[in-house]
PDB file of N, CA and C in Angstrom:
ATOM      1  N   UNK A   1       0.839  -1.188   0.000  1.00  0.00           N
ATOM      2  CA  UNK A   1       0.000   0.000   0.000  1.00  0.00           C
ATOM      3  C   UNK A   1       0.875   1.239   0.000  1.00  0.00           C
ATOM      4  N   UNK A   2       0.438   2.222  -0.708  1.00  0.00           N
ATOM      5  CA  UNK A   2       1.206   3.451  -0.728  1.00  0.00           C
ATOM      6  C   UNK A   2       0.595   4.483   0.216  1.00  0.00           C
ATOM      7  N   UNK A   3       1.403   5.403   0.643  1.00  0.00           N
ATOM      8  CA  UNK A   3       0.931   6.483   1.503  1.00  0.00           C
ATOM      9  C   UNK A   3       0.468   7.618   0.605  1.00  0.00           C
ATOM     10  N   UNK A   4      -0.775   7.966   0.749  1.00  0.00           N
ATOM     11  CA  UNK A   4      -1.341   9.001  -0.119  1.00  0.00           C
ATOM     12  C   UNK A   4      -0.910  10.385   0.348  1.00  0.00           C
ATOM     13  N   UNK A   5      -1.012  11.326  -0.568  1.00  0.00           N
ATOM     14  CA  UNK A   5      -0.571  12.704  -0.305  1.00  0.00           C
ATOM     15  C   UNK A   5      -1.361  13.334   0.835  1.00  0.00           C
ATOM     16  N   UNK A   6      -2.638  13.024   0.919  1.00  0.00           N
ATOM     17  CA  UNK A   6      -3.475  13.608   1.966  1.00  0.00           C
ATOM     18  C   UNK A   6      -2.990  13.173   3.356  1.00  0.00           C
ATOM     19  N   UNK A   7      -2.530  11.959   3.473  1.00  0.00           N
ATOM     20  CA  UNK A   7      -2.060  11.469   4.770  1.00  0.00           C
ATOM     21  C   UNK A   7      -0.703  12.064   5.125  1.00  0.00           C
ATOM     22  N   UNK A   8       0.109  12.341   4.135  1.00  0.00           N
ATOM     23  CA  UNK A   8       1.418  12.951   4.415  1.00  0.00           C
ATOM     24  C   UNK A   8       1.260  14.374   4.905  1.00  0.00           C
ATOM     25  N   UNK A   9       0.216  15.060   4.450  1.00  0.00           N
ATOM     26  CA  UNK A   9       0.045  16.467   4.778  1.00  0.00           C
ATOM     27  C   UNK A   9      -0.869  16.679   5.986  1.00  0.00           C
ATOM     28  N   UNK A  10      -1.232  15.612   6.673  1.00  0.00           N
ATOM     29  CA  UNK A  10      -2.219  15.708   7.740  1.00  0.00           C
ATOM     30  C   UNK A  10      -1.843  16.699   8.852  1.00  0.00           C
ATOM     31  N   UNK A  11      -0.608  16.699   9.374  1.00  0.00           N
ATOM     32  CA  UNK A  11      -0.302  17.669  10.424  1.00  0.00           C
ATOM     33  C   UNK A  11      -0.397  19.114   9.945  1.00  0.00           C
ATOM     34  N   UNK A  12      -0.210  19.336   8.658  1.00  0.00           N
ATOM     35  CA  UNK A  12      -0.275  20.689   8.133  1.00  0.00           C
ATOM     36  C   UNK A  12      -1.715  21.183   8.045  1.00  0.00           C
ATOM     37  N   UNK A  13      -2.670  20.263   7.986  1.00  0.00           N
ATOM     38  CA  UNK A  13      -4.062  20.663   7.861  1.00  0.00           C
ATOM     39  C   UNK A  13      -4.694  20.982   9.209  1.00  0.00           C
ATOM     40  N   UNK A  14      -4.075  20.543  10.291  1.00  0.00           N
ATOM     41  CA  UNK A  14      -4.659  20.773  11.610  1.00  0.00           C
ATOM     42  C   UNK A  14      -4.594  22.245  11.965  1.00  0.00           C
ATOM     43  N   UNK A  15      -5.632  22.788  12.601  1.00  0.00           N
ATOM     44  CA  UNK A  15      -5.590  24.194  13.003  1.00  0.00           C
ATOM     45  C   UNK A  15      -4.588  24.403  14.134  1.00  0.00           C
ATOM     46  N   UNK A  16      -3.943  25.534  14.144  1.00  0.00           N
ATOM     47  CA  UNK A  16      -2.944  25.851  15.156  1.00  0.00           C
ATOM     48  C   UNK A  16      -3.624  26.635  16.266  1.00  0.00           C
ATOM     49  N   UNK A  17      -3.358  26.234  17.518  1.00  0.00           N
ATOM     50  CA  UNK A  17      -3.921  26.973  18.642  1.00  0.00           C
ATOM     51  C   UNK A  17      -3.209  28.310  18.757  1.00  0.00           C
ATOM     52  N   UNK A  18      -3.976  29.350  18.903  1.00  0.00           N
ATOM     53  CA  UNK A  18      -3.406  30.689  18.944  1.00  0.00           C
ATOM     54  C   UNK A  18      -3.336  31.193  20.380  1.00  0.00           C
ATOM     55  N   UNK A  19      -2.204  31.784  20.783  1.00  0.00           N
ATOM     56  CA  UNK A  19      -2.047  32.228  22.173  1.00  0.00           C
ATOM     57  C   UNK A  19      -3.015  33.340  22.556  1.00  0.00           C
ATOM     58  N   UNK A  20      -3.400  34.175  21.603  1.00  0.00           N
ATOM     59  CA  UNK A  20      -4.328  35.258  21.924  1.00  0.00           C
ATOM     60  C   UNK A  20      -5.684  34.704  22.339  1.00  0.00           C
ATOM     61  N   UNK A  21      -6.144  33.657  21.652  1.00  0.00           N
ATOM     62  CA  UNK A  21      -7.420  33.054  21.993  1.00  0.00           C
ATOM     63  C   UNK A  21      -7.360  32.363  23.347  1.00  0.00           C
ATOM     64  N   UNK A  22      -6.202  31.792  23.664  1.00  0.00           N
ATOM     65  CA  UNK A  22      -6.045  31.147  24.969  1.00  0.00           C
ATOM     66  C   UNK A  22      -6.105  32.185  26.089  1.00  0.00           C
ATOM     67  N   UNK A  23      -5.459  33.331  25.889  1.00  0.00           N
ATOM     68  CA  UNK A  23      -5.514  34.400  26.896  1.00  0.00           C
ATOM     69  C   UNK A  23      -6.939  34.894  27.072  1.00  0.00           C
ATOM     70  N   UNK A  24      -7.674  34.970  25.972  1.00  0.00           N
ATOM     71  CA  UNK A  24      -9.062  35.417  26.038  1.00  0.00           C
ATOM     72  C   UNK A  24      -9.918  34.429  26.817  1.00  0.00           C
ATOM     73  N   UNK A  25      -9.710  33.120  26.579  1.00  0.00           N
ATOM     74  CA  UNK A  25     -10.469  32.106  27.305  1.00  0.00           C
ATOM     75  C   UNK A  25     -10.187  32.178  28.798  1.00  0.00           C
ATOM     76  N   UNK A  26      -8.918  32.365  29.162  1.00  0.00           N
ATOM     77  CA  UNK A  26      -8.551  32.446  30.577  1.00  0.00           C
ATOM     78  C   UNK A  26      -9.173  33.682  31.211  1.00  0.00           C
ATOM     79  N   UNK A  27      -9.208  34.788  30.485  1.00  0.00           N
ATOM     80  CA  UNK A  27      -9.818  36.008  30.999  1.00  0.00           C
ATOM     81  C   UNK A  27     -11.315  35.821  31.238  1.00  0.00           C
ATOM     82  N   UNK A  28     -11.993  35.134  30.300  1.00  0.00           N
ATOM     83  CA  UNK A  28     -13.415  34.859  30.479  1.00  0.00           C
ATOM     84  C   UNK A  28     -13.657  33.946  31.667  1.00  0.00           C
ATOM     85  N   UNK A  29     -12.776  32.957  31.860  1.00  0.00           N
ATOM     86  CA  UNK A  29     -12.912  32.050  32.993  1.00  0.00           C
ATOM     87  C   UNK A  29     -12.687  32.787  34.305  1.00  0.00           C
ATOM     88  N   UNK A  30     -11.742  33.733  34.322  1.00  0.00           N
ATOM     89  CA  UNK A  30     -11.519  34.532  35.525  1.00  0.00           C
ATOM     90  C   UNK A  30     -12.751  35.365  35.845  1.00  0.00           C
ATOM     91  N   UNK A  31     -13.389  35.915  34.824  1.00  0.00           N
ATOM     92  CA  UNK A  31     -14.608  36.697  35.046  1.00  0.00           C
ATOM     93  C   UNK A  31     -15.710  35.843  35.644  1.00  0.00           C
ATOM     94  N   UNK A  32     -15.845  34.618  35.116  1.00  0.00           N
ATOM     95  CA  UNK A  32     -16.861  33.714  35.644  1.00  0.00           C
ATOM     96  C   UNK A  32     -16.592  33.374  37.101  1.00  0.00           C
ATOM     97  N   UNK A  33     -15.319  33.147  37.439  1.00  0.00           N
ATOM     98  CA  UNK A  33     -14.975  32.808  38.823  1.00  0.00           C
ATOM     99  C   UNK A  33     -15.199  33.993  39.751  1.00  0.00           C
ATOM    100  N   UNK A  34     -14.926  35.212  39.280  1.00  0.00           N
ATOM    101  CA  UNK A  34     -15.150  36.377  40.128  1.00  0.00           C
ATOM    102  C   UNK A  34     -16.647  36.564  40.380  1.00  0.00           C
ATOM    103  N   UNK A  35     -17.481  36.242  39.388  1.00  0.00           N
ATOM    104  CA  UNK A  35     -18.923  36.300  39.594  1.00  0.00           C
ATOM    105  C   UNK A  35     -19.397  35.203  40.540  1.00  0.00           C
ATOM    106  N   UNK A  36     -18.654  34.092  40.589  1.00  0.00           N
ATOM    107  CA  UNK A  36     -19.034  32.979  41.457  1.00  0.00           C
ATOM    108  C   UNK A  36     -18.600  33.214  42.906  1.00  0.00           C
ATOM    109  N   UNK A  37     -17.791  34.258  43.158  1.00  0.00           N
ATOM    110  CA  UNK A  37     -17.439  34.558  44.535  1.00  0.00           C
ATOM    111  C   UNK A  37     -15.951  34.582  44.837  1.00  0.00           C
ATOM    112  N   UNK A  38     -15.102  34.335  43.854  1.00  0.00           N
ATOM    113  CA  UNK A  38     -13.660  34.414  44.070  1.00  0.00           C
ATOM    114  C   UNK A  38     -13.244  35.883  44.121  1.00  0.00           C
ATOM    115  N   UNK A  39     -12.290  36.191  44.997  1.00  0.00           N
ATOM    116  CA  UNK A  39     -11.799  37.565  45.079  1.00  0.00           C
ATOM    117  C   UNK A  39     -10.703  37.792  44.048  1.00  0.00           C
ATOM    118  N   UNK A  40     -10.403  39.046  43.785  1.00  0.00           N
ATOM    119  CA  UNK A  40      -9.342  39.390  42.831  1.00  0.00           C
ATOM    120  C   UNK A  40      -7.987  38.893  43.333  1.00  0.00           C
ATOM    121  N   UNK A  41      -7.792  38.939  44.639  1.00  0.00           N
ATOM    122  CA  UNK A  41      -6.531  38.469  45.234  1.00  0.00           C
ATOM    123  C   UNK A  41      -6.341  36.977  45.006  1.00  0.00           C
ATOM    124  N   UNK A  42      -7.421  36.204  45.142  1.00  0.00           N
ATOM    125  CA  UNK A  42      -7.335  34.764  44.912  1.00  0.00           C
ATOM    126  C   UNK A  42      -7.012  34.467  43.456  1.00  0.00           C
ATOM    127  N   UNK A  43      -7.618  35.216  42.546  1.00  0.00           N
ATOM    128  CA  UNK A  43      -7.396  34.967  41.123  1.00  0.00           C
ATOM    129  C   UNK A  43      -5.974  35.330  40.704  1.00  0.00           C
ATOM    130  N   UNK A  44      -5.376  36.321  41.349  1.00  0.00           N
ATOM    131  CA  UNK A  44      -4.006  36.702  40.999  1.00  0.00           C
ATOM    132  C   UNK A  44      -3.009  35.597  41.318  1.00  0.00           C
ATOM    133  N   UNK A  45      -3.277  34.835  42.372  1.00  0.00           N
ATOM    134  CA  UNK A  45      -2.336  33.802  42.797  1.00  0.00           C
ATOM    135  C   UNK A  45      -2.590  32.451  42.138  1.00  0.00           C
ATOM    136  N   UNK A  46      -3.611  32.349  41.294  1.00  0.00           N
ATOM    137  CA  UNK A  46      -3.927  31.084  40.624  1.00  0.00           C
ATOM    138  C   UNK A  46      -3.265  31.036  39.246  1.00  0.00           C
ATOM    139  N   UNK A  47      -2.737  29.857  38.900  1.00  0.00           N
ATOM    140  CA  UNK A  47      -2.228  29.697  37.540  1.00  0.00           C
ATOM    141  C   UNK A  47      -3.351  29.180  36.650  1.00  0.00           C
ATOM    142  N   UNK A  48      -3.073  29.018  35.362  1.00  0.00           N
ATOM    143  CA  UNK A  48      -4.139  28.675  34.415  1.00  0.00           C
ATOM    144  C   UNK A  48      -4.729  27.299  34.699  1.00  0.00           C
ATOM    145  N   UNK A  49      -3.897  26.363  35.146  1.00  0.00           N
ATOM    146  CA  UNK A  49      -4.403  25.019  35.446  1.00  0.00           C
ATOM    147  C   UNK A  49      -5.382  25.061  36.615  1.00  0.00           C
ATOM    148  N   UNK A  50      -5.053  25.835  37.645  1.00  0.00           N
ATOM    149  CA  UNK A  50      -5.936  25.965  38.794  1.00  0.00           C
ATOM    150  C   UNK A  50      -7.237  26.670  38.414  1.00  0.00           C
ATOM    151  N   UNK A  51      -7.158  27.634  37.517  1.00  0.00           N
ATOM    152  CA  UNK A  51      -8.351  28.347  37.067  1.00  0.00           C
ATOM    153  C   UNK A  51      -9.281  27.388  36.330  1.00  0.00           C
ATOM    154  N   UNK A  52      -8.732  26.562  35.450  1.00  0.00           N
ATOM    155  CA  UNK A  52      -9.551  25.612  34.704  1.00  0.00           C
ATOM    156  C   UNK A  52     -10.224  24.601  35.626  1.00  0.00           C
ATOM    157  N   UNK A  53      -9.483  24.101  36.609  1.00  0.00           N
ATOM    158  CA  UNK A  53     -10.098  23.137  37.535  1.00  0.00           C
ATOM    159  C   UNK A  53     -11.160  23.798  38.397  1.00  0.00           C
ATOM    160  N   UNK A  54     -10.953  25.064  38.775  1.00  0.00           N
ATOM    161  CA  UNK A  54     -11.954  25.765  39.576  1.00  0.00           C
ATOM    162  C   UNK A  54     -13.219  25.993  38.778  1.00  0.00           C
ATOM    163  N   UNK A  55     -13.090  26.302  37.503  1.00  0.00           N
ATOM    164  CA  UNK A  55     -14.270  26.490  36.653  1.00  0.00           C
ATOM    165  C   UNK A  55     -15.040  25.183  36.550  1.00  0.00           C
ATOM    166  N   UNK A  56     -14.304  24.074  36.430  1.00  0.00           N
ATOM    167  CA  UNK A  56     -14.955  22.781  36.325  1.00  0.00           C
ATOM    168  C   UNK A  56     -15.682  22.414  37.614  1.00  0.00           C
ATOM    169  N   UNK A  57     -15.031  22.633  38.757  1.00  0.00           N
ATOM    170  CA  UNK A  57     -15.640  22.231  40.025  1.00  0.00           C
ATOM    171  C   UNK A  57     -16.788  23.141  40.431  1.00  0.00           C
ATOM    172  N   UNK A  58     -16.699  24.419  40.089  1.00  0.00           N
ATOM    173  CA  UNK A  58     -17.766  25.356  40.430  1.00  0.00           C
ATOM    174  C   UNK A  58     -18.978  25.152  39.537  1.00  0.00           C
ATOM    175  N   UNK A  59     -18.776  24.601  38.364  1.00  0.00           N
ATOM    176  CA  UNK A  59     -19.879  24.426  37.432  1.00  0.00           C
ATOM    177  C   UNK A  59     -20.350  25.732  36.837  1.00  0.00           C
ATOM    178  N   UNK A  60     -19.412  26.663  36.680  1.00  0.00           N
ATOM    179  CA  UNK A  60     -19.755  27.998  36.162  1.00  0.00           C
ATOM    180  C   UNK A  60     -19.741  27.985  34.664  1.00  0.00           C
TER     181      UNK A  60
END
């Protein structure tokens, strides 16, 4: 079997994650957490992984 051209180019067709969109998502998640009762001081000391888990656990 031969490898077709479409399969060779597969990684090139995948969309690239953009850092600006990631920053925007984190900002929106911070807003949701502040509405849920987190203080600004708490959000400053959280990294992105902690923010994502807090959004998941809060159900916001």
